[in-house]
Amino acid sequence: MIKAGFIGTGNISGAHLRYLKGRRDVKIAALCDINRKNALQRQKDFGGDVFTDFDEMLAHVKPDAVWICTPPSVRRAHDCNSARNRRTASQTGDFPPEAGLPKARSAGGGSAQGGNGNRRT
């Protein structure tokens, strides 16, 4: 069972959450958003523990994979901290700020893996 964590619970997260909810090998373990109300609303539909601080989420839940669903303008800190705190976790997000995997790896200080096929290069 893959423990999935989400950073950002706004619009785009819904598509990812709906898909993952239908998989038997994935458990939505954690939802993190600076807007606690958004995260609590998603929790009603998808489960998982709610956090407003992604470092706390990563430390307490230790997800196997992290979906970063925040706007590109604020995503870099999430990408870097996720990679440092959980080097083996796959990370995904729509339209990452780093143009390519080598650059994302060097920015994150770890092994950035995966992606959802929507990477623009």
PDB file of N, CA and C in Angstrom:
ATOM      1  N   MET A   1       0.850  -1.181   0.000  1.00  0.00           N
ATOM      2  CA  MET A   1       0.000   0.000   0.000  1.00  0.00           C
ATOM      3  C   MET A   1       0.895   1.242   0.000  1.00  0.00           C
ATOM      4  N   ILE A   2       0.648   2.138  -0.915  1.00  0.00           N
ATOM      5  CA  ILE A   2       1.395   3.389  -1.012  1.00  0.00           C
ATOM      6  C   ILE A   2       0.681   4.449  -0.188  1.00  0.00           C
ATOM      7  N   LYS A   3       1.408   5.061   0.747  1.00  0.00           N
ATOM      8  CA  LYS A   3       0.859   6.164   1.542  1.00  0.00           C
ATOM      9  C   LYS A   3       1.117   7.466   0.791  1.00  0.00           C
ATOM     10  N   ALA A   4       0.038   8.118   0.354  1.00  0.00           N
ATOM     11  CA  ALA A   4       0.150   9.341  -0.431  1.00  0.00           C
ATOM     12  C   ALA A   4      -0.108  10.564   0.430  1.00  0.00           C
ATOM     13  N   GLY A   5       0.703  11.582   0.231  1.00  0.00           N
ATOM     14  CA  GLY A   5       0.508  12.865   0.880  1.00  0.00           C
ATOM     15  C   GLY A   5       0.292  13.937  -0.175  1.00  0.00           C
ATOM     16  N   PHE A   6      -0.504  14.924   0.167  1.00  0.00           N
ATOM     17  CA  PHE A   6      -0.798  16.025  -0.748  1.00  0.00           C
ATOM     18  C   PHE A   6      -0.414  17.340  -0.112  1.00  0.00           C
ATOM     19  N   ILE A   7       0.317  18.147  -0.851  1.00  0.00           N
ATOM     20  CA  ILE A   7       0.609  19.517  -0.451  1.00  0.00           C
ATOM     21  C   ILE A   7      -0.185  20.395  -1.403  1.00  0.00           C
ATOM     22  N   GLY A   8      -1.190  21.057  -0.864  1.00  0.00           N
ATOM     23  CA  GLY A   8      -2.121  21.832  -1.673  1.00  0.00           C
ATOM     24  C   GLY A   8      -3.379  21.022  -1.926  1.00  0.00           C
ATOM     25  N   THR A   9      -4.520  21.581  -1.535  1.00  0.00           N
ATOM     26  CA  THR A   9      -5.792  20.863  -1.698  1.00  0.00           C
ATOM     27  C   THR A   9      -6.799  21.685  -2.495  1.00  0.00           C
ATOM     28  N   GLY A  10      -6.285  22.556  -3.345  1.00  0.00           N
ATOM     29  CA  GLY A  10      -7.159  23.375  -4.182  1.00  0.00           C
ATOM     30  C   GLY A  10      -7.665  22.607  -5.392  1.00  0.00           C
ATOM     31  N   ASN A  11      -7.987  23.329  -6.431  1.00  0.00           N
ATOM     32  CA  ASN A  11      -8.669  22.781  -7.605  1.00  0.00           C
ATOM     33  C   ASN A  11      -8.008  21.560  -8.222  1.00  0.00           C
ATOM     34  N   ILE A  12      -6.726  21.662  -8.577  1.00  0.00           N
ATOM     35  CA  ILE A  12      -6.081  20.574  -9.317  1.00  0.00           C
ATOM     36  C   ILE A  12      -5.951  19.312  -8.476  1.00  0.00           C
ATOM     37  N   SER A  13      -5.884  19.452  -7.163  1.00  0.00           N
ATOM     38  CA  SER A  13      -5.731  18.266  -6.313  1.00  0.00           C
ATOM     39  C   SER A  13      -6.915  17.314  -6.462  1.00  0.00           C
ATOM     40  N   GLY A  14      -8.081  17.838  -6.741  1.00  0.00           N
ATOM     41  CA  GLY A  14      -9.270  17.002  -6.875  1.00  0.00           C
ATOM     42  C   GLY A  14      -9.124  15.930  -7.939  1.00  0.00           C
ATOM     43  N   ALA A  15      -8.552  16.272  -9.075  1.00  0.00           N
ATOM     44  CA  ALA A  15      -8.366  15.298 -10.149  1.00  0.00           C
ATOM     45  C   ALA A  15      -7.443  14.168  -9.703  1.00  0.00           C
ATOM     46  N   HIS A  16      -6.354  14.517  -9.042  1.00  0.00           N
ATOM     47  CA  HIS A  16      -5.409  13.504  -8.568  1.00  0.00           C
ATOM     48  C   HIS A  16      -6.030  12.655  -7.458  1.00  0.00           C
ATOM     49  N   LEU A  17      -6.720  13.303  -6.540  1.00  0.00           N
ATOM     50  CA  LEU A  17      -7.345  12.581  -5.427  1.00  0.00           C
ATOM     51  C   LEU A  17      -8.424  11.609  -5.915  1.00  0.00           C
ATOM     52  N   ARG A  18      -9.238  12.051  -6.858  1.00  0.00           N
ATOM     53  CA  ARG A  18     -10.280  11.162  -7.392  1.00  0.00           C
ATOM     54  C   ARG A  18      -9.664   9.932  -8.053  1.00  0.00           C
ATOM     55  N   TYR A  19      -8.610  10.139  -8.821  1.00  0.00           N
ATOM     56  CA  TYR A  19      -7.947   9.009  -9.470  1.00  0.00           C
ATOM     57  C   TYR A  19      -7.374   8.045  -8.426  1.00  0.00           C
ATOM     58  N   LEU A  20      -6.656   8.585  -7.449  1.00  0.00           N
ATOM     59  CA  LEU A  20      -6.010   7.737  -6.457  1.00  0.00           C
ATOM     60  C   LEU A  20      -7.016   7.015  -5.563  1.00  0.00           C
ATOM     61  N   LYS A  21      -8.143   7.649  -5.305  1.00  0.00           N
ATOM     62  CA  LYS A  21      -9.171   7.022  -4.475  1.00  0.00           C
ATOM     63  C   LYS A  21      -9.649   5.717  -5.105  1.00  0.00           C
ATOM     64  N   GLY A  22      -9.627   5.637  -6.421  1.00  0.00           N
ATOM     65  CA  GLY A  22     -10.069   4.448  -7.120  1.00  0.00           C
ATOM     66  C   GLY A  22      -9.034   3.330  -7.186  1.00  0.00           C
ATOM     67  N   ARG A  23      -7.838   3.589  -6.714  1.00  0.00           N
ATOM     68  CA  ARG A  23      -6.787   2.568  -6.735  1.00  0.00           C
ATOM     69  C   ARG A  23      -6.759   1.799  -5.419  1.00  0.00           C
ATOM     70  N   ARG A  24      -6.614   0.505  -5.513  1.00  0.00           N
ATOM     71  CA  ARG A  24      -6.567  -0.323  -4.304  1.00  0.00           C
ATOM     72  C   ARG A  24      -5.197  -0.320  -3.642  1.00  0.00           C
ATOM     73  N   ASP A  25      -4.172   0.134  -4.358  1.00  0.00           N
ATOM     74  CA  ASP A  25      -2.821   0.101  -3.819  1.00  0.00           C
ATOM     75  C   ASP A  25      -2.369   1.440  -3.238  1.00  0.00           C
ATOM     76  N   VAL A  26      -3.296   2.402  -3.129  1.00  0.00           N
ATOM     77  CA  VAL A  26      -2.953   3.733  -2.625  1.00  0.00           C
ATOM     78  C   VAL A  26      -3.895   4.119  -1.495  1.00  0.00           C
ATOM     79  N   LYS A  27      -3.319   4.681  -0.441  1.00  0.00           N
ATOM     80  CA  LYS A  27      -4.096   5.232   0.665  1.00  0.00           C
ATOM     81  C   LYS A  27      -3.759   6.721   0.766  1.00  0.00           C
ATOM     82  N   ILE A  28      -4.780   7.571   0.755  1.00  0.00           N
ATOM     83  CA  ILE A  28      -4.559   8.999   0.980  1.00  0.00           C
ATOM     84  C   ILE A  28      -4.281   9.150   2.477  1.00  0.00           C
ATOM     85  N   ALA A  29      -3.029   9.405   2.817  1.00  0.00           N
ATOM     86  CA  ALA A  29      -2.607   9.430   4.216  1.00  0.00           C
ATOM     87  C   ALA A  29      -2.602  10.834   4.807  1.00  0.00           C
ATOM     88  N   ALA A  30      -2.373  11.857   3.972  1.00  0.00           N
ATOM     89  CA  ALA A  30      -2.246  13.209   4.523  1.00  0.00           C
ATOM     90  C   ALA A  30      -2.593  14.260   3.485  1.00  0.00           C
ATOM     91  N   LEU A  31      -3.215  15.320   3.972  1.00  0.00           N
ATOM     92  CA  LEU A  31      -3.574  16.478   3.159  1.00  0.00           C
ATOM     93  C   LEU A  31      -3.040  17.716   3.859  1.00  0.00           C
ATOM     94  N   CYS A  32      -2.323  18.551   3.128  1.00  0.00           N
ATOM     95  CA  CYS A  32      -1.751  19.756   3.724  1.00  0.00           C
ATOM     96  C   CYS A  32      -2.115  20.968   2.880  1.00  0.00           C
ATOM     97  N   ASP A  33      -2.579  21.996   3.542  1.00  0.00           N
ATOM     98  CA  ASP A  33      -2.900  23.256   2.858  1.00  0.00           C
ATOM     99  C   ASP A  33      -2.821  24.371   3.889  1.00  0.00           C
ATOM    100  N   ILE A  34      -2.375  25.559   3.461  1.00  0.00           N
ATOM    101  CA  ILE A  34      -2.348  26.683   4.399  1.00  0.00           C
ATOM    102  C   ILE A  34      -3.761  27.114   4.762  1.00  0.00           C
ATOM    103  N   ASN A  35      -4.708  26.752   3.906  1.00  0.00           N
ATOM    104  CA  ASN A  35      -6.120  27.000   4.185  1.00  0.00           C
ATOM    105  C   ASN A  35      -6.715  25.711   4.762  1.00  0.00           C
ATOM    106  N   ARG A  36      -6.751  25.630   6.084  1.00  0.00           N
ATOM    107  CA  ARG A  36      -7.216  24.407   6.761  1.00  0.00           C
ATOM    108  C   ARG A  36      -8.621  23.999   6.315  1.00  0.00           C
ATOM    109  N   LYS A  37      -9.469  24.987   6.022  1.00  0.00           N
ATOM    110  CA  LYS A  37     -10.837  24.706   5.594  1.00  0.00           C
ATOM    111  C   LYS A  37     -10.841  23.887   4.296  1.00  0.00           C
ATOM    112  N   ASN A  38      -9.969  24.244   3.351  1.00  0.00           N
ATOM    113  CA  ASN A  38      -9.862  23.468   2.102  1.00  0.00           C
ATOM    114  C   ASN A  38      -9.459  22.033   2.384  1.00  0.00           C
ATOM    115  N   ALA A  39      -8.455  21.870   3.237  1.00  0.00           N
ATOM    116  CA  ALA A  39      -7.967  20.528   3.543  1.00  0.00           C
ATOM    117  C   ALA A  39      -9.043  19.700   4.242  1.00  0.00           C
ATOM    118  N   LEU A  40      -9.777  20.308   5.149  1.00  0.00           N
ATOM    119  CA  LEU A  40     -10.846  19.588   5.853  1.00  0.00           C
ATOM    120  C   LEU A  40     -11.953  19.168   4.898  1.00  0.00           C
ATOM    121  N   GLN A  41     -12.242  20.000   3.917  1.00  0.00           N
ATOM    122  CA  GLN A  41     -13.263  19.650   2.920  1.00  0.00           C
ATOM    123  C   GLN A  41     -12.817  18.441   2.098  1.00  0.00           C
ATOM    124  N   ARG A  42     -11.560  18.435   1.672  1.00  0.00           N
ATOM    125  CA  ARG A  42     -11.034  17.292   0.913  1.00  0.00           C
ATOM    126  C   ARG A  42     -11.011  16.039   1.785  1.00  0.00           C
ATOM    127  N   GLN A  43     -10.712  16.213   3.078  1.00  0.00           N
ATOM    128  CA  GLN A  43     -10.667  15.076   3.992  1.00  0.00           C
ATOM    129  C   GLN A  43     -12.014  14.352   4.041  1.00  0.00           C
ATOM    130  N   LYS A  44     -13.113  15.107   3.989  1.00  0.00           N
ATOM    131  CA  LYS A  44     -14.446  14.497   4.018  1.00  0.00           C
ATOM    132  C   LYS A  44     -14.633  13.510   2.867  1.00  0.00           C
ATOM    133  N   ASP A  45     -14.073  13.849   1.712  1.00  0.00           N
ATOM    134  CA  ASP A  45     -14.245  13.009   0.523  1.00  0.00           C
ATOM    135  C   ASP A  45     -13.172  11.934   0.358  1.00  0.00           C
ATOM    136  N   PHE A  46     -11.963  12.212   0.862  1.00  0.00           N
ATOM    137  CA  PHE A  46     -10.842  11.332   0.542  1.00  0.00           C
ATOM    138  C   PHE A  46     -10.096  10.768   1.742  1.00  0.00           C
ATOM    139  N   GLY A  47     -10.388  11.241   2.945  1.00  0.00           N
ATOM    140  CA  GLY A  47      -9.691  10.751   4.130  1.00  0.00           C
ATOM    141  C   GLY A  47      -8.341  11.415   4.302  1.00  0.00           C
ATOM    142  N   GLY A  48      -7.548  10.849   5.185  1.00  0.00           N
ATOM    143  CA  GLY A  48      -6.206  11.369   5.452  1.00  0.00           C
ATOM    144  C   GLY A  48      -6.192  12.343   6.609  1.00  0.00           C
ATOM    145  N   ASP A  49      -5.014  12.483   7.217  1.00  0.00           N
ATOM    146  CA  ASP A  49      -4.817  13.465   8.279  1.00  0.00           C
ATOM    147  C   ASP A  49      -4.619  14.837   7.661  1.00  0.00           C
ATOM    148  N   VAL A  50      -5.054  15.881   8.364  1.00  0.00           N
ATOM    149  CA  VAL A  50      -4.967  17.252   7.855  1.00  0.00           C
ATOM    150  C   VAL A  50      -3.844  18.012   8.556  1.00  0.00           C
ATOM    151  N   PHE A  51      -3.076  18.747   7.766  1.00  0.00           N
ATOM    152  CA  PHE A  51      -1.978  19.574   8.261  1.00  0.00           C
ATOM    153  C   PHE A  51      -2.014  20.927   7.582  1.00  0.00           C
ATOM    154  N   THR A  52      -1.455  21.927   8.233  1.00  0.00           N
ATOM    155  CA  THR A  52      -1.271  23.236   7.610  1.00  0.00           C
ATOM    156  C   THR A  52       0.216  23.529   7.390  1.00  0.00           C
ATOM    157  N   ASP A  53       1.081  22.645   7.826  1.00  0.00           N
ATOM    158  CA  ASP A  53       2.527  22.796   7.666  1.00  0.00           C
ATOM    159  C   ASP A  53       3.069  21.529   7.010  1.00  0.00           C
ATOM    160  N   PHE A  54       3.665  21.668   5.827  1.00  0.00           N
ATOM    161  CA  PHE A  54       4.089  20.476   5.101  1.00  0.00           C
ATOM    162  C   PHE A  54       5.278  19.784   5.751  1.00  0.00           C
ATOM    163  N   ASP A  55       6.149  20.516   6.443  1.00  0.00           N
ATOM    164  CA  ASP A  55       7.248  19.860   7.151  1.00  0.00           C
ATOM    165  C   ASP A  55       6.699  18.943   8.244  1.00  0.00           C
ATOM    166  N   GLU A  56       5.677  19.407   8.952  1.00  0.00           N
ATOM    167  CA  GLU A  56       5.032  18.605   9.990  1.00  0.00           C
ATOM    168  C   GLU A  56       4.375  17.364   9.371  1.00  0.00           C
ATOM    169  N   MET A  57       3.711  17.562   8.236  1.00  0.00           N
ATOM    170  CA  MET A  57       3.083  16.430   7.556  1.00  0.00           C
ATOM    171  C   MET A  57       4.113  15.380   7.184  1.00  0.00           C
ATOM    172  N   LEU A  58       5.218  15.812   6.586  1.00  0.00           N
ATOM    173  CA  LEU A  58       6.249  14.872   6.158  1.00  0.00           C
ATOM    174  C   LEU A  58       6.866  14.133   7.340  1.00  0.00           C
ATOM    175  N   ALA A  59       7.061  14.845   8.448  1.00  0.00           N
ATOM    176  CA  ALA A  59       7.674  14.235   9.631  1.00  0.00           C
ATOM    177  C   ALA A  59       6.748  13.235  10.311  1.00  0.00           C
ATOM    178  N   HIS A  60       5.465  13.561  10.396  1.00  0.00           N
ATOM    179  CA  HIS A  60       4.530  12.704  11.126  1.00  0.00           C
ATOM    180  C   HIS A  60       3.991  11.549  10.300  1.00  0.00           C
ATOM    181  N   VAL A  61       3.687  11.791   9.048  1.00  0.00           N
ATOM    182  CA  VAL A  61       3.053  10.764   8.219  1.00  0.00           C
ATOM    183  C   VAL A  61       4.079   9.916   7.477  1.00  0.00           C
ATOM    184  N   LYS A  62       5.186  10.529   7.099  1.00  0.00           N
ATOM    185  CA  LYS A  62       6.217   9.859   6.311  1.00  0.00           C
ATOM    186  C   LYS A  62       5.618   9.185   5.065  1.00  0.00           C
ATOM    187  N   PRO A  63       5.028   9.996   4.192  1.00  0.00           N
ATOM    188  CA  PRO A  63       4.388   9.434   2.989  1.00  0.00           C
ATOM    189  C   PRO A  63       5.401   8.780   2.055  1.00  0.00           C
ATOM    190  N   ASP A  64       4.931   7.802   1.306  1.00  0.00           N
ATOM    191  CA  ASP A  64       5.762   7.162   0.296  1.00  0.00           C
ATOM    192  C   ASP A  64       5.844   8.011  -0.969  1.00  0.00           C
ATOM    193  N   ALA A  65       4.811   8.793  -1.218  1.00  0.00           N
ATOM    194  CA  ALA A  65       4.747   9.665  -2.394  1.00  0.00           C
ATOM    195  C   ALA A  65       4.057  10.955  -1.993  1.00  0.00           C
ATOM    196  N   VAL A  66       4.503  12.056  -2.612  1.00  0.00           N
ATOM    197  CA  VAL A  66       3.935  13.370  -2.311  1.00  0.00           C
ATOM    198  C   VAL A  66       3.467  14.012  -3.612  1.00  0.00           C
ATOM    199  N   TRP A  67       2.216  14.401  -3.654  1.00  0.00           N
ATOM    200  CA  TRP A  67       1.663  15.158  -4.774  1.00  0.00           C
ATOM    201  C   TRP A  67       1.698  16.618  -4.383  1.00  0.00           C
ATOM    202  N   ILE A  68       2.409  17.404  -5.168  1.00  0.00           N
ATOM    203  CA  ILE A  68       2.532  18.829  -4.882  1.00  0.00           C
ATOM    204  C   ILE A  68       1.596  19.557  -5.829  1.00  0.00           C
ATOM    205  N   CYS A  69       0.512  20.043  -5.270  1.00  0.00           N
ATOM    206  CA  CYS A  69      -0.567  20.652  -6.056  1.00  0.00           C
ATOM    207  C   CYS A  69      -0.735  22.113  -5.682  1.00  0.00           C
ATOM    208  N   THR A  70       0.359  22.818  -5.646  1.00  0.00           N
ATOM    209  CA  THR A  70       0.332  24.247  -5.348  1.00  0.00           C
ATOM    210  C   THR A  70       0.687  25.013  -6.613  1.00  0.00           C
ATOM    211  N   PRO A  71       0.384  26.295  -6.660  1.00  0.00           N
ATOM    212  CA  PRO A  71       0.757  27.090  -7.838  1.00  0.00           C
ATOM    213  C   PRO A  71       2.279  27.100  -8.033  1.00  0.00           C
ATOM    214  N   PRO A  72       2.752  27.086  -9.273  1.00  0.00           N
ATOM    215  CA  PRO A  72       4.194  27.070  -9.533  1.00  0.00           C
ATOM    216  C   PRO A  72       4.962  28.183  -8.817  1.00  0.00           C
ATOM    217  N   SER A  73       4.348  29.314  -8.621  1.00  0.00           N
ATOM    218  CA  SER A  73       5.053  30.441  -7.998  1.00  0.00           C
ATOM    219  C   SER A  73       5.427  30.189  -6.546  1.00  0.00           C
ATOM    220  N   VAL A  74       4.792  29.227  -5.890  1.00  0.00           N
ATOM    221  CA  VAL A  74       5.115  28.934  -4.486  1.00  0.00           C
ATOM    222  C   VAL A  74       5.624  27.510  -4.299  1.00  0.00           C
ATOM    223  N   ARG A  75       5.836  26.785  -5.357  1.00  0.00           N
ATOM    224  CA  ARG A  75       6.126  25.356  -5.252  1.00  0.00           C
ATOM    225  C   ARG A  75       7.564  25.017  -4.913  1.00  0.00           C
ATOM    226  N   ARG A  76       8.525  25.838  -5.237  1.00  0.00           N
ATOM    227  CA  ARG A  76       9.936  25.459  -5.087  1.00  0.00           C
ATOM    228  C   ARG A  76      10.279  25.020  -3.659  1.00  0.00           C
ATOM    229  N   ALA A  77       9.815  25.712  -2.651  1.00  0.00           N
ATOM    230  CA  ALA A  77      10.123  25.323  -1.266  1.00  0.00           C
ATOM    231  C   ALA A  77       9.565  23.949  -0.957  1.00  0.00           C
ATOM    232  N   HIS A  78       8.369  23.642  -1.438  1.00  0.00           N
ATOM    233  CA  HIS A  78       7.776  22.327  -1.202  1.00  0.00           C
ATOM    234  C   HIS A  78       8.618  21.245  -1.865  1.00  0.00           C
ATOM    235  N   ASP A  79       9.021  21.480  -3.118  1.00  0.00           N
ATOM    236  CA  ASP A  79       9.811  20.498  -3.855  1.00  0.00           C
ATOM    237  C   ASP A  79      11.104  20.198  -3.127  1.00  0.00           C
ATOM    238  N   CYS A  80      11.816  21.246  -2.741  1.00  0.00           N
ATOM    239  CA  CYS A  80      13.122  21.073  -2.105  1.00  0.00           C
ATOM    240  C   CYS A  80      12.995  20.388  -0.752  1.00  0.00           C
ATOM    241  N   ASN A  81      12.080  20.834   0.068  1.00  0.00           N
ATOM    242  CA  ASN A  81      11.933  20.241   1.393  1.00  0.00           C
ATOM    243  C   ASN A  81      11.428  18.810   1.317  1.00  0.00           C
ATOM    244  N   SER A  82      10.556  18.500   0.385  1.00  0.00           N
ATOM    245  CA  SER A  82      10.077  17.129   0.232  1.00  0.00           C
ATOM    246  C   SER A  82      11.246  16.210  -0.128  1.00  0.00           C
ATOM    247  N   ALA A  83      12.083  16.664  -1.046  1.00  0.00           N
ATOM    248  CA  ALA A  83      13.218  15.847  -1.462  1.00  0.00           C
ATOM    249  C   ALA A  83      14.199  15.645  -0.314  1.00  0.00           C
ATOM    250  N   ARG A  84      14.462  16.684   0.448  1.00  0.00           N
ATOM    251  CA  ARG A  84      15.415  16.556   1.556  1.00  0.00           C
ATOM    252  C   ARG A  84      14.870  15.677   2.680  1.00  0.00           C
ATOM    253  N   ASN A  85      13.600  15.834   3.015  1.00  0.00           N
ATOM    254  CA  ASN A  85      13.027  15.108   4.141  1.00  0.00           C
ATOM    255  C   ASN A  85      12.660  13.675   3.813  1.00  0.00           C
ATOM    256  N   ARG A  86      12.439  13.380   2.575  1.00  0.00           N
ATOM    257  CA  ARG A  86      11.980  12.036   2.205  1.00  0.00           C
ATOM    258  C   ARG A  86      12.600  11.682   0.869  1.00  0.00           C
ATOM    259  N   ARG A  87      13.902  11.436   0.864  1.00  0.00           N
ATOM    260  CA  ARG A  87      14.635  11.247  -0.386  1.00  0.00           C
ATOM    261  C   ARG A  87      14.083  10.149  -1.274  1.00  0.00           C
ATOM    262  N   THR A  88      13.420   9.164  -0.706  1.00  0.00           N
ATOM    263  CA  THR A  88      12.913   8.073  -1.530  1.00  0.00           C
ATOM    264  C   THR A  88      11.500   8.321  -2.036  1.00  0.00           C
ATOM    265  N   ALA A  89      10.861   9.371  -1.564  1.00  0.00           N
ATOM    266  CA  ALA A  89       9.478   9.630  -1.976  1.00  0.00           C
ATOM    267  C   ALA A  89       9.430  10.154  -3.395  1.00  0.00           C
ATOM    268  N   SER A  90       8.515   9.625  -4.160  1.00  0.00           N
ATOM    269  CA  SER A  90       8.269  10.192  -5.478  1.00  0.00           C
ATOM    270  C   SER A  90       7.556  11.514  -5.286  1.00  0.00           C
ATOM    271  N   GLN A  91       7.780  12.426  -6.185  1.00  0.00           N
ATOM    272  CA  GLN A  91       7.112  13.712  -6.128  1.00  0.00           C
ATOM    273  C   GLN A  91       6.469  13.963  -7.467  1.00  0.00           C
ATOM    274  N   THR A  92       5.322  14.544  -7.422  1.00  0.00           N
ATOM    275  CA  THR A  92       4.649  14.866  -8.668  1.00  0.00           C
ATOM    276  C   THR A  92       3.902  16.169  -8.498  1.00  0.00           C
ATOM    277  N   GLY A  93       3.626  16.789  -9.569  1.00  0.00           N
ATOM    278  CA  GLY A  93       2.864  18.030  -9.544  1.00  0.00           C
ATOM    279  C   GLY A  93       2.645  18.487 -10.967  1.00  0.00           C
ATOM    280  N   ASP A  94       1.674  19.279 -11.183  1.00  0.00           N
ATOM    281  CA  ASP A  94       1.435  19.785 -12.522  1.00  0.00           C
ATOM    282  C   ASP A  94       2.361  20.946 -12.799  1.00  0.00           C
ATOM    283  N   PHE A  95       3.076  20.841 -13.896  1.00  0.00           N
ATOM    284  CA  PHE A  95       3.946  21.896 -14.384  1.00  0.00           C
ATOM    285  C   PHE A  95       4.960  22.347 -13.333  1.00  0.00           C
ATOM    286  N   PRO A  96       5.930  21.476 -12.990  1.00  0.00           N
ATOM    287  CA  PRO A  96       6.926  21.853 -11.998  1.00  0.00           C
ATOM    288  C   PRO A  96       7.742  23.049 -12.446  1.00  0.00           C
ATOM    289  N   PRO A  97       8.268  23.823 -11.493  1.00  0.00           N
ATOM    290  CA  PRO A  97       9.012  25.024 -11.836  1.00  0.00           C
ATOM    291  C   PRO A  97      10.353  24.725 -12.479  1.00  0.00           C
ATOM    292  N   GLU A  98      10.941  23.569 -12.207  1.00  0.00           N
ATOM    293  CA  GLU A  98      12.237  23.231 -12.782  1.00  0.00           C
ATOM    294  C   GLU A  98      12.016  22.617 -14.158  1.00  0.00           C
ATOM    295  N   ALA A  99      12.812  23.050 -15.116  1.00  0.00           N
ATOM    296  CA  ALA A  99      12.590  22.649 -16.500  1.00  0.00           C
ATOM    297  C   ALA A  99      12.950  21.197 -16.797  1.00  0.00           C
ATOM    298  N   GLY A 100      13.821  20.622 -16.046  1.00  0.00           N
ATOM    299  CA  GLY A 100      14.224  19.256 -16.329  1.00  0.00           C
ATOM    300  C   GLY A 100      14.598  18.504 -15.075  1.00  0.00           C
ATOM    301  N   LEU A 101      14.653  17.189 -15.186  1.00  0.00           N
ATOM    302  CA  LEU A 101      14.937  16.343 -14.038  1.00  0.00           C
ATOM    303  C   LEU A 101      16.309  16.615 -13.428  1.00  0.00           C
ATOM    304  N   PRO A 102      17.394  16.771 -14.210  1.00  0.00           N
ATOM    305  CA  PRO A 102      18.688  17.057 -13.570  1.00  0.00           C
ATOM    306  C   PRO A 102      18.655  18.344 -12.736  1.00  0.00           C
ATOM    307  N   LYS A 103      17.998  19.368 -13.243  1.00  0.00           N
ATOM    308  CA  LYS A 103      17.908  20.623 -12.502  1.00  0.00           C
ATOM    309  C   LYS A 103      17.050  20.451 -11.246  1.00  0.00           C
ATOM    310  N   ALA A 104      15.966  19.693 -11.354  1.00  0.00           N
ATOM    311  CA  ALA A 104      15.115  19.442 -10.192  1.00  0.00           C
ATOM    312  C   ALA A 104      15.870  18.644  -9.143  1.00  0.00           C
ATOM    313  N   ARG A 105      16.681  17.670  -9.579  1.00  0.00           N
ATOM    314  CA  ARG A 105      17.474  16.887  -8.619  1.00  0.00           C
ATOM    315  C   ARG A 105      18.446  17.782  -7.868  1.00  0.00           C
ATOM    316  N   SER A 106      19.146  18.663  -8.595  1.00  0.00           N
ATOM    317  CA  SER A 106      20.124  19.515  -7.920  1.00  0.00           C
ATOM    318  C   SER A 106      19.443  20.523  -7.007  1.00  0.00           C
ATOM    319  N   ALA A 107      18.285  20.995  -7.375  1.00  0.00           N
ATOM    320  CA  ALA A 107      17.564  21.947  -6.529  1.00  0.00           C
ATOM    321  C   ALA A 107      17.029  21.292  -5.277  1.00  0.00           C
ATOM    322  N   GLY A 108      16.601  20.028  -5.401  1.00  0.00           N
ATOM    323  CA  GLY A 108      16.008  19.328  -4.266  1.00  0.00           C
ATOM    324  C   GLY A 108      17.002  18.675  -3.342  1.00  0.00           C
ATOM    325  N   GLY A 109      18.240  18.542  -3.751  1.00  0.00           N
ATOM    326  CA  GLY A 109      19.237  17.925  -2.903  1.00  0.00           C
ATOM    327  C   GLY A 109      19.030  16.431  -2.739  1.00  0.00           C
ATOM    328  N   GLY A 110      18.189  15.838  -3.528  1.00  0.00           N
ATOM    329  CA  GLY A 110      17.912  14.405  -3.413  1.00  0.00           C
ATOM    330  C   GLY A 110      17.523  13.852  -4.751  1.00  0.00           C
ATOM    331  N   SER A 111      16.815  12.764  -4.733  1.00  0.00           N
ATOM    332  CA  SER A 111      16.436  12.120  -5.975  1.00  0.00           C
ATOM    333  C   SER A 111      14.990  12.441  -6.309  1.00  0.00           C
ATOM    334  N   ALA A 112      14.786  13.469  -7.085  1.00  0.00           N
ATOM    335  CA  ALA A 112      13.428  13.769  -7.552  1.00  0.00           C
ATOM    336  C   ALA A 112      13.063  12.704  -8.561  1.00  0.00           C
ATOM    337  N   GLN A 113      11.941  12.042  -8.362  1.00  0.00           N
ATOM    338  CA  GLN A 113      11.528  10.958  -9.230  1.00  0.00           C
ATOM    339  C   GLN A 113      10.134  11.220  -9.740  1.00  0.00           C
ATOM    340  N   GLY A 114       9.798  10.490 -10.740  1.00  0.00           N
ATOM    341  CA  GLY A 114       8.409  10.438 -11.158  1.00  0.00           C
ATOM    342  C   GLY A 114       7.959  11.654 -11.919  1.00  0.00           C
ATOM    343  N   GLY A 115       6.717  11.973 -11.747  1.00  0.00           N
ATOM    344  CA  GLY A 115       6.041  12.997 -12.503  1.00  0.00           C
ATOM    345  C   GLY A 115       4.753  12.396 -13.006  1.00  0.00           C
ATOM    346  N   ASN A 116       3.871  13.209 -13.469  1.00  0.00           N
ATOM    347  CA  ASN A 116       2.587  12.675 -13.895  1.00  0.00           C
ATOM    348  C   ASN A 116       2.371  12.799 -15.383  1.00  0.00           C
ATOM    349  N   GLY A 117       3.433  13.039 -16.119  1.00  0.00           N
ATOM    350  CA  GLY A 117       3.289  13.123 -17.554  1.00  0.00           C
ATOM    351  C   GLY A 117       2.939  14.520 -18.046  1.00  0.00           C
ATOM    352  N   ASN A 118       2.746  15.457 -17.139  1.00  0.00           N
ATOM    353  CA  ASN A 118       2.382  16.810 -17.538  1.00  0.00           C
ATOM    354  C   ASN A 118       3.547  17.780 -17.476  1.00  0.00           C
ATOM    355  N   ARG A 119       4.738  17.254 -17.361  1.00  0.00           N
ATOM    356  CA  ARG A 119       5.918  18.122 -17.240  1.00  0.00           C
ATOM    357  C   ARG A 119       6.140  18.871 -18.548  1.00  0.00           C
ATOM    358  N   ARG A 120       6.293  20.169 -18.447  1.00  0.00           N
ATOM    359  CA  ARG A 120       6.621  20.988 -19.621  1.00  0.00           C
ATOM    360  C   ARG A 120       8.114  21.209 -19.633  1.00  0.00           C
ATOM    361  N   THR A 121       8.758  20.887 -20.746  1.00  0.00           N
ATOM    362  CA  THR A 121      10.204  21.091 -20.851  1.00  0.00           C
ATOM    363  C   THR A 121      10.523  21.996 -21.991  1.00  0.00           C
TER     364      THR A 121
END
